Structure formats: structure tokens, C-alpha cells
Amino acid sequence: MWDWEILFWHVTQVVVYVILGLGLFGVAYLVIDKATPFSLGKELLEKHNTAVAIVLGAVFLGIAVILAAAIRG
């Protein structure tokens, strides 16, 4: 019925890719935060700057597409 070894292998791969992806998103946020002349956290949380949120979301979507292509092979 169930091939538990294959299932465990696939679940392990998913967990590794999730951790890797979240780590890369964190690194990307830090790089973008250092590259901008202002603080992203302050702009997003205190000033509610919608333009910064849209640009940051677009960057994260681009990184997600690249990561998905790299994981898929």
C-alpha cells in the first residue's frame, strides 16, 4: 500500500526546501534593507508606506519564482 521510505524522503525534501527558502528570503530582506537609504521596517510599520510594501512584495515574488525554478530543476 504505502511506501513509507519514499513518503519520508519527500517530506524531508519539502522541509529542507522550506527552511532553505525562508532563509534566502531573510537574507534577501537584509540585503534590500542595507541597500536602501532608509529603514524598511520603519517605512512599513510606522509610516505605512504602500509604495515600499508593493516594491518589497514584487522583489519577494521574483525571488520566489527563481527559487521555484531552481528547486524544480
C-alpha atoms as a PDB file:
ATOM      1  CA  MET A   1       0.000   0.000   0.000  1.00  0.00           C
ATOM      2  CA  TRP A   2       2.184   2.811   1.291  1.00  0.00           C
ATOM      3  CA  ASP A   3       5.867   3.085   0.585  1.00  0.00           C
ATOM      4  CA  TRP A   4       6.876   4.845   3.779  1.00  0.00           C
ATOM      5  CA  GLU A   5      10.506   5.346   2.755  1.00  0.00           C
ATOM      6  CA  ILE A   6       9.560   7.334  -0.340  1.00  0.00           C
ATOM      7  CA  LEU A   7       6.968   9.330   1.610  1.00  0.00           C
ATOM      8  CA  PHE A   8       9.519  10.134   4.323  1.00  0.00           C
ATOM      9  CA  TRP A   9      12.074  11.141   1.670  1.00  0.00           C
ATOM     10  CA  HIS A  10       9.635  13.546   0.008  1.00  0.00           C
ATOM     11  CA  VAL A  11       8.548  15.068   3.320  1.00  0.00           C
ATOM     12  CA  THR A  12      12.210  15.555   4.250  1.00  0.00           C
ATOM     13  CA  GLN A  13      12.857  17.306   0.927  1.00  0.00           C
ATOM     14  CA  VAL A  14       9.890  19.620   1.470  1.00  0.00           C
ATOM     15  CA  VAL A  15      11.104  20.562   4.953  1.00  0.00           C
ATOM     16  CA  VAL A  16      14.641  21.240   3.688  1.00  0.00           C
ATOM     17  CA  TYR A  17      13.365  23.389   0.806  1.00  0.00           C
ATOM     18  CA  VAL A  18      11.058  25.363   3.110  1.00  0.00           C
ATOM     19  CA  ILE A  19      13.895  26.095   5.533  1.00  0.00           C
ATOM     20  CA  LEU A  20      16.231  26.994   2.675  1.00  0.00           C
ATOM     21  CA  GLY A  21      13.619  29.216   1.027  1.00  0.00           C
ATOM     22  CA  LEU A  22      12.772  31.062   4.240  1.00  0.00           C
ATOM     23  CA  GLY A  23      16.463  31.569   4.950  1.00  0.00           C
ATOM     24  CA  LEU A  24      17.032  33.005   1.490  1.00  0.00           C
ATOM     25  CA  PHE A  25      14.025  35.303   1.891  1.00  0.00           C
ATOM     26  CA  GLY A  26      15.516  36.546   5.166  1.00  0.00           C
ATOM     27  CA  VAL A  27      18.868  37.179   3.508  1.00  0.00           C
ATOM     28  CA  ALA A  28      17.147  38.977   0.620  1.00  0.00           C
ATOM     29  CA  TYR A  29      15.286  41.217   3.060  1.00  0.00           C
ATOM     30  CA  LEU A  30      18.511  42.085   4.865  1.00  0.00           C
ATOM     31  CA  VAL A  31      20.304  42.850   1.581  1.00  0.00           C
ATOM     32  CA  ILE A  32      17.455  45.072   0.395  1.00  0.00           C
ATOM     33  CA  ASP A  33      17.283  46.794   3.786  1.00  0.00           C
ATOM     34  CA  LYS A  34      21.019  47.557   3.675  1.00  0.00           C
ATOM     35  CA  ALA A  35      20.870  48.686   0.029  1.00  0.00           C
ATOM     36  CA  THR A  36      18.154  51.269   0.628  1.00  0.00           C
ATOM     37  CA  PRO A  37      18.984  54.632   2.220  1.00  0.00           C
ATOM     38  CA  PHE A  38      16.048  54.283   4.645  1.00  0.00           C
ATOM     39  CA  SER A  39      14.833  51.648   7.079  1.00  0.00           C
ATOM     40  CA  LEU A  40      12.301  49.292   5.513  1.00  0.00           C
ATOM     41  CA  GLY A  41      10.843  48.364   8.878  1.00  0.00           C
ATOM     42  CA  LYS A  42      10.249  51.995   9.810  1.00  0.00           C
ATOM     43  CA  GLU A  43       8.725  52.798   6.416  1.00  0.00           C
ATOM     44  CA  LEU A  44       6.401  49.792   6.517  1.00  0.00           C
ATOM     45  CA  LEU A  45       5.336  49.719  10.150  1.00  0.00           C
ATOM     46  CA  GLU A  46       5.427  53.335  11.293  1.00  0.00           C
ATOM     47  CA  LYS A  47       4.813  55.366   8.135  1.00  0.00           C
ATOM     48  CA  HIS A  48       2.583  52.783   6.380  1.00  0.00           C
ATOM     49  CA  ASN A  49       4.317  53.431   3.052  1.00  0.00           C
ATOM     50  CA  THR A  50       2.326  51.464   0.476  1.00  0.00           C
ATOM     51  CA  ALA A  51       4.836  52.009  -2.322  1.00  0.00           C
ATOM     52  CA  VAL A  52       7.636  50.376  -0.316  1.00  0.00           C
ATOM     53  CA  ALA A  53       5.335  47.448   0.510  1.00  0.00           C
ATOM     54  CA  ILE A  54       4.493  46.942  -3.171  1.00  0.00           C
ATOM     55  CA  VAL A  55       8.150  47.049  -4.247  1.00  0.00           C
ATOM     56  CA  LEU A  56       9.189  44.673  -1.456  1.00  0.00           C
ATOM     57  CA  GLY A  57       6.353  42.298  -2.389  1.00  0.00           C
ATOM     58  CA  ALA A  58       7.434  42.357  -6.037  1.00  0.00           C
ATOM     59  CA  VAL A  59      11.018  41.564  -5.050  1.00  0.00           C
ATOM     60  CA  PHE A  60       9.844  38.638  -2.913  1.00  0.00           C
ATOM     61  CA  LEU A  61       7.688  37.311  -5.752  1.00  0.00           C
ATOM     62  CA  GLY A  62      10.683  37.471  -8.088  1.00  0.00           C
ATOM     63  CA  ILE A  63      12.830  35.592  -5.596  1.00  0.00           C
ATOM     64  CA  ALA A  64      10.063  33.007  -5.153  1.00  0.00           C
ATOM     65  CA  VAL A  65       9.938  32.374  -8.900  1.00  0.00           C
ATOM     66  CA  ILE A  66      13.708  31.959  -9.039  1.00  0.00           C
ATOM     67  CA  LEU A  67      13.713  29.580  -6.051  1.00  0.00           C
ATOM     68  CA  ALA A  68      10.858  27.531  -7.504  1.00  0.00           C
ATOM     69  CA  ALA A  69      12.698  27.171 -10.805  1.00  0.00           C
ATOM     70  CA  ALA A  70      15.905  26.192  -9.020  1.00  0.00           C
ATOM     71  CA  ILE A  71      14.139  23.593  -6.867  1.00  0.00           C
ATOM     72  CA  ARG A  72      12.286  22.126  -9.816  1.00  0.00           C
ATOM     73  CA  GLY A  73      15.455  21.818 -11.834  1.00  0.00           C
END
